[in-house]
Amino acid sequence: MDESEKFVVLGPEEALLAERQVEQMACATNQKRTALGLPTSVGDHNHSAMPLNQQVLDDIEVILTVAAKSRNMKDPFQRALKDATTLIESVVDVLHKRSVNDEMAKL
């Protein structure tokens, strides 16, 4: 595991700060979704590939931040979340490219 993959154990004050940062990040992500006209929960999927791709990337960032800053989450669980987000990112990238190609073909 290289330095970028290590997670830090936080003290009480740092944990509170981390919790606030995650909360702000989640709020900002929801505001972006609203501004783009995207759903803030599961539902309508009639949007172009670009905003949907960005929504997934924003959500992945929230997951990674929570995993990195969680005091109670053990390393194997943090690693599992990081691995899962990496795989999701790869799959979404492939789907995004296909969708963009399909949307361009329709034009």
N, C-alpha and C. Protein backbone atom coordinates (compact mmCIF):
# COMPACT_ATOMS: atom_id res chain seq x y z
N MET A 1 0.86 -1.17 0.00
CA MET A 1 0.00 0.00 0.00
C MET A 1 0.90 1.23 0.00
N ASP A 2 0.75 2.13 -0.97
CA ASP A 2 1.57 3.33 -0.99
C ASP A 2 0.95 4.42 -0.12
N GLU A 3 1.65 5.53 0.02
CA GLU A 3 1.23 6.61 0.92
C GLU A 3 -0.16 7.14 0.60
N SER A 4 -0.53 7.20 -0.68
CA SER A 4 -1.83 7.77 -1.06
C SER A 4 -2.99 6.86 -0.68
N GLU A 5 -2.71 5.58 -0.36
CA GLU A 5 -3.76 4.64 -0.04
C GLU A 5 -3.95 4.45 1.47
N LYS A 6 -3.13 5.09 2.29
CA LYS A 6 -3.23 4.94 3.73
C LYS A 6 -4.29 5.89 4.28
N PHE A 7 -5.00 5.42 5.30
CA PHE A 7 -6.00 6.23 5.94
C PHE A 7 -5.50 6.61 7.33
N VAL A 8 -5.85 7.79 7.77
CA VAL A 8 -5.35 8.33 9.02
C VAL A 8 -6.41 8.17 10.11
N VAL A 9 -5.98 7.80 11.30
CA VAL A 9 -6.88 7.75 12.45
C VAL A 9 -6.95 9.15 13.03
N LEU A 10 -8.16 9.67 13.16
CA LEU A 10 -8.35 11.05 13.60
C LEU A 10 -8.67 11.12 15.09
N GLY A 11 -8.23 12.22 15.70
CA GLY A 11 -8.59 12.51 17.07
C GLY A 11 -9.99 13.09 17.12
N PRO A 12 -10.55 13.33 18.31
CA PRO A 12 -11.93 13.82 18.44
C PRO A 12 -12.19 15.14 17.71
N GLU A 13 -11.28 16.10 17.83
CA GLU A 13 -11.49 17.39 17.17
C GLU A 13 -11.38 17.26 15.66
N GLU A 14 -10.41 16.47 15.21
CA GLU A 14 -10.24 16.24 13.77
C GLU A 14 -11.45 15.50 13.21
N ALA A 15 -11.97 14.55 14.00
CA ALA A 15 -13.13 13.78 13.56
C ALA A 15 -14.35 14.67 13.37
N LEU A 16 -14.53 15.61 14.30
CA LEU A 16 -15.66 16.55 14.19
C LEU A 16 -15.50 17.41 12.95
N LEU A 17 -14.30 17.89 12.71
CA LEU A 17 -14.02 18.69 11.51
C LEU A 17 -14.26 17.86 10.25
N ALA A 18 -13.81 16.62 10.25
CA ALA A 18 -14.00 15.74 9.10
C ALA A 18 -15.49 15.50 8.86
N GLU A 19 -16.25 15.32 9.93
CA GLU A 19 -17.69 15.11 9.80
C GLU A 19 -18.35 16.33 9.16
N ARG A 20 -17.95 17.50 9.57
CA ARG A 20 -18.50 18.74 9.00
C ARG A 20 -18.13 18.86 7.51
N GLN A 21 -16.88 18.49 7.18
CA GLN A 21 -16.46 18.55 5.77
C GLN A 21 -17.28 17.60 4.90
N VAL A 22 -17.52 16.40 5.40
CA VAL A 22 -18.31 15.43 4.65
C VAL A 22 -19.74 15.94 4.49
N GLU A 23 -20.29 16.49 5.55
CA GLU A 23 -21.64 17.04 5.49
C GLU A 23 -21.73 18.17 4.46
N GLN A 24 -20.74 19.06 4.45
CA GLN A 24 -20.71 20.16 3.48
C GLN A 24 -20.56 19.62 2.05
N MET A 25 -19.73 18.59 1.88
CA MET A 25 -19.54 18.00 0.56
C MET A 25 -20.83 17.37 0.04
N ALA A 26 -21.53 16.66 0.92
CA ALA A 26 -22.80 16.04 0.52
C ALA A 26 -23.83 17.11 0.16
N CYS A 27 -23.86 18.19 0.93
CA CYS A 27 -24.78 19.29 0.66
C CYS A 27 -24.44 19.95 -0.68
N ALA A 28 -23.16 20.18 -0.93
CA ALA A 28 -22.74 20.79 -2.20
C ALA A 28 -23.08 19.89 -3.38
N THR A 29 -22.94 18.59 -3.19
CA THR A 29 -23.28 17.64 -4.26
C THR A 29 -24.77 17.71 -4.57
N ASN A 30 -25.60 17.77 -3.55
CA ASN A 30 -27.05 17.89 -3.77
C ASN A 30 -27.39 19.21 -4.44
N GLN A 31 -26.70 20.28 -4.09
CA GLN A 31 -26.96 21.57 -4.73
C GLN A 31 -26.58 21.53 -6.20
N LYS A 32 -25.47 20.87 -6.53
CA LYS A 32 -25.07 20.72 -7.94
C LYS A 32 -26.13 19.95 -8.71
N ARG A 33 -26.64 18.88 -8.11
CA ARG A 33 -27.68 18.09 -8.77
C ARG A 33 -28.91 18.95 -9.04
N THR A 34 -29.30 19.71 -8.06
CA THR A 34 -30.47 20.57 -8.22
C THR A 34 -30.24 21.60 -9.32
N ALA A 35 -29.06 22.21 -9.34
CA ALA A 35 -28.73 23.21 -10.35
C ALA A 35 -28.72 22.62 -11.75
N LEU A 36 -28.33 21.35 -11.87
CA LEU A 36 -28.30 20.69 -13.18
C LEU A 36 -29.65 20.08 -13.55
N GLY A 37 -30.61 20.20 -12.64
CA GLY A 37 -31.92 19.61 -12.91
C GLY A 37 -31.93 18.11 -12.73
N LEU A 38 -30.98 17.59 -11.98
CA LEU A 38 -30.90 16.15 -11.74
C LEU A 38 -31.66 15.79 -10.48
N PRO A 39 -32.10 14.55 -10.38
CA PRO A 39 -32.79 14.14 -9.16
C PRO A 39 -31.82 14.07 -8.00
N THR A 40 -32.30 14.37 -6.79
CA THR A 40 -31.45 14.24 -5.61
C THR A 40 -31.66 12.89 -4.95
N SER A 41 -32.49 12.06 -5.57
CA SER A 41 -32.68 10.69 -5.13
C SER A 41 -32.95 9.84 -6.36
N VAL A 42 -33.06 8.56 -6.17
CA VAL A 42 -33.30 7.65 -7.30
C VAL A 42 -34.65 7.99 -7.92
N GLY A 43 -34.71 8.00 -9.23
CA GLY A 43 -35.96 8.31 -9.89
C GLY A 43 -35.75 8.56 -11.36
N ASP A 44 -35.97 9.80 -11.79
CA ASP A 44 -35.91 10.19 -13.19
C ASP A 44 -34.51 10.01 -13.76
N HIS A 45 -34.43 9.32 -14.89
CA HIS A 45 -33.14 9.08 -15.54
C HIS A 45 -33.12 9.63 -16.96
N ASN A 46 -33.94 10.60 -17.26
CA ASN A 46 -34.03 11.16 -18.61
C ASN A 46 -33.11 12.36 -18.77
N HIS A 47 -31.85 12.17 -18.48
CA HIS A 47 -30.87 13.23 -18.62
C HIS A 47 -29.75 12.76 -19.53
N SER A 48 -29.02 13.72 -20.07
CA SER A 48 -27.91 13.35 -20.96
C SER A 48 -26.77 12.72 -20.16
N ALA A 49 -25.85 12.13 -20.89
CA ALA A 49 -24.75 11.40 -20.26
C ALA A 49 -23.85 12.29 -19.41
N MET A 50 -23.62 13.51 -19.85
CA MET A 50 -22.67 14.39 -19.14
C MET A 50 -23.09 14.66 -17.69
N PRO A 51 -24.30 15.16 -17.43
CA PRO A 51 -24.65 15.43 -16.03
C PRO A 51 -24.77 14.16 -15.19
N LEU A 52 -25.22 13.07 -15.80
CA LEU A 52 -25.31 11.82 -15.05
C LEU A 52 -23.92 11.32 -14.67
N ASN A 53 -22.97 11.44 -15.59
CA ASN A 53 -21.60 11.05 -15.31
C ASN A 53 -21.04 11.89 -14.17
N GLN A 54 -21.29 13.19 -14.20
CA GLN A 54 -20.79 14.07 -13.14
C GLN A 54 -21.43 13.74 -11.80
N GLN A 55 -22.70 13.36 -11.82
CA GLN A 55 -23.37 12.99 -10.58
C GLN A 55 -22.68 11.78 -9.95
N VAL A 56 -22.35 10.80 -10.76
CA VAL A 56 -21.67 9.61 -10.23
C VAL A 56 -20.29 9.98 -9.68
N LEU A 57 -19.55 10.79 -10.41
CA LEU A 57 -18.23 11.19 -9.94
C LEU A 57 -18.29 11.96 -8.62
N ASP A 58 -19.30 12.83 -8.48
CA ASP A 58 -19.49 13.56 -7.22
C ASP A 58 -19.81 12.60 -6.08
N ASP A 59 -20.67 11.63 -6.35
CA ASP A 59 -21.03 10.65 -5.32
C ASP A 59 -19.84 9.78 -4.93
N ILE A 60 -19.03 9.42 -5.89
CA ILE A 60 -17.82 8.64 -5.60
C ILE A 60 -16.90 9.45 -4.68
N GLU A 61 -16.77 10.73 -4.94
CA GLU A 61 -15.93 11.58 -4.10
C GLU A 61 -16.44 11.62 -2.66
N VAL A 62 -17.77 11.66 -2.49
CA VAL A 62 -18.35 11.65 -1.15
C VAL A 62 -18.02 10.33 -0.45
N ILE A 63 -18.17 9.22 -1.16
CA ILE A 63 -17.88 7.90 -0.58
C ILE A 63 -16.42 7.81 -0.14
N LEU A 64 -15.52 8.25 -1.01
CA LEU A 64 -14.09 8.18 -0.67
C LEU A 64 -13.74 9.07 0.52
N THR A 65 -14.37 10.22 0.59
CA THR A 65 -14.13 11.13 1.71
C THR A 65 -14.62 10.53 3.01
N VAL A 66 -15.81 9.95 2.99
CA VAL A 66 -16.34 9.31 4.19
C VAL A 66 -15.43 8.15 4.62
N ALA A 67 -15.00 7.35 3.67
CA ALA A 67 -14.12 6.22 4.00
C ALA A 67 -12.81 6.70 4.60
N ALA A 68 -12.26 7.76 4.06
CA ALA A 68 -10.97 8.26 4.54
C ALA A 68 -11.07 8.91 5.91
N LYS A 69 -12.21 9.50 6.21
CA LYS A 69 -12.32 10.28 7.44
C LYS A 69 -13.10 9.58 8.55
N SER A 70 -13.59 8.40 8.28
CA SER A 70 -14.36 7.68 9.28
C SER A 70 -13.45 7.13 10.37
N ARG A 71 -13.75 7.43 11.61
CA ARG A 71 -12.94 6.94 12.74
C ARG A 71 -13.24 5.49 13.04
N ASN A 72 -14.45 5.06 12.82
CA ASN A 72 -14.88 3.73 13.25
C ASN A 72 -14.75 2.66 12.17
N MET A 73 -14.33 3.04 11.00
CA MET A 73 -14.25 2.09 9.89
C MET A 73 -12.84 1.50 9.84
N LYS A 74 -12.76 0.20 9.90
CA LYS A 74 -11.46 -0.49 9.87
C LYS A 74 -10.89 -0.50 8.45
N ASP A 75 -9.57 -0.63 8.37
CA ASP A 75 -8.87 -0.57 7.08
C ASP A 75 -9.44 -1.48 6.00
N PRO A 76 -9.80 -2.74 6.30
CA PRO A 76 -10.34 -3.60 5.23
C PRO A 76 -11.63 -3.03 4.62
N PHE A 77 -12.46 -2.40 5.45
CA PHE A 77 -13.69 -1.82 4.95
C PHE A 77 -13.40 -0.57 4.12
N GLN A 78 -12.45 0.24 4.59
CA GLN A 78 -12.06 1.42 3.84
C GLN A 78 -11.50 1.00 2.48
N ARG A 79 -10.68 -0.02 2.48
CA ARG A 79 -10.07 -0.52 1.24
C ARG A 79 -11.14 -1.05 0.29
N ALA A 80 -12.12 -1.75 0.85
CA ALA A 80 -13.21 -2.28 0.02
C ALA A 80 -13.99 -1.15 -0.63
N LEU A 81 -14.25 -0.07 0.11
CA LEU A 81 -14.95 1.08 -0.47
C LEU A 81 -14.12 1.73 -1.56
N LYS A 82 -12.82 1.88 -1.32
CA LYS A 82 -11.95 2.49 -2.32
C LYS A 82 -11.91 1.63 -3.58
N ASP A 83 -11.77 0.32 -3.41
CA ASP A 83 -11.74 -0.58 -4.57
C ASP A 83 -13.06 -0.54 -5.34
N ALA A 84 -14.17 -0.53 -4.61
CA ALA A 84 -15.49 -0.48 -5.25
C ALA A 84 -15.68 0.82 -6.02
N THR A 85 -15.24 1.93 -5.45
CA THR A 85 -15.40 3.20 -6.16
C THR A 85 -14.53 3.26 -7.40
N THR A 86 -13.35 2.65 -7.34
CA THR A 86 -12.47 2.61 -8.51
C THR A 86 -13.14 1.81 -9.63
N LEU A 87 -13.72 0.68 -9.28
CA LEU A 87 -14.41 -0.14 -10.28
C LEU A 87 -15.64 0.59 -10.84
N ILE A 88 -16.41 1.21 -9.96
CA ILE A 88 -17.59 1.96 -10.41
C ILE A 88 -17.18 3.07 -11.36
N GLU A 89 -16.12 3.77 -11.01
CA GLU A 89 -15.62 4.85 -11.86
C GLU A 89 -15.25 4.33 -13.25
N SER A 90 -14.60 3.19 -13.31
CA SER A 90 -14.21 2.60 -14.59
C SER A 90 -15.42 2.22 -15.43
N VAL A 91 -16.39 1.58 -14.79
CA VAL A 91 -17.59 1.15 -15.50
C VAL A 91 -18.39 2.36 -15.99
N VAL A 92 -18.52 3.37 -15.13
CA VAL A 92 -19.26 4.57 -15.50
C VAL A 92 -18.57 5.28 -16.67
N ASP A 93 -17.25 5.28 -16.68
CA ASP A 93 -16.52 5.90 -17.78
C ASP A 93 -16.84 5.21 -19.11
N VAL A 94 -16.85 3.89 -19.09
CA VAL A 94 -17.19 3.13 -20.31
C VAL A 94 -18.62 3.43 -20.74
N LEU A 95 -19.54 3.39 -19.79
CA LEU A 95 -20.95 3.67 -20.11
C LEU A 95 -21.13 5.11 -20.59
N HIS A 96 -20.41 6.03 -19.99
CA HIS A 96 -20.48 7.43 -20.39
C HIS A 96 -20.04 7.59 -21.85
N LYS A 97 -18.93 6.98 -22.20
CA LYS A 97 -18.43 7.08 -23.58
C LYS A 97 -19.43 6.49 -24.56
N ARG A 98 -20.03 5.36 -24.22
CA ARG A 98 -21.05 4.76 -25.09
C ARG A 98 -22.25 5.67 -25.24
N SER A 99 -22.70 6.23 -24.11
CA SER A 99 -23.88 7.10 -24.13
C SER A 99 -23.63 8.36 -24.94
N VAL A 100 -22.46 8.95 -24.78
CA VAL A 100 -22.13 10.16 -25.54
C VAL A 100 -22.12 9.83 -27.03
N ASN A 101 -21.54 8.69 -27.39
CA ASN A 101 -21.53 8.28 -28.81
C ASN A 101 -22.94 8.08 -29.33
N ASP A 102 -23.79 7.45 -28.53
CA ASP A 102 -25.20 7.24 -28.93
C ASP A 102 -25.93 8.58 -29.08
N GLU A 103 -25.70 9.50 -28.14
CA GLU A 103 -26.35 10.81 -28.21
C GLU A 103 -25.88 11.58 -29.44
N MET A 104 -24.59 11.50 -29.76
CA MET A 104 -24.07 12.19 -30.94
C MET A 104 -24.65 11.58 -32.22
N ALA A 105 -24.81 10.28 -32.25
CA ALA A 105 -25.36 9.62 -33.43
C ALA A 105 -26.81 10.05 -33.66
N LYS A 106 -27.54 10.29 -32.59
CA LYS A 106 -28.95 10.72 -32.70
C LYS A 106 -29.05 12.14 -33.25
N LEU A 107 -28.02 12.94 -33.06
CA LEU A 107 -28.05 14.32 -33.54
C LEU A 107 -27.82 14.30 -35.03
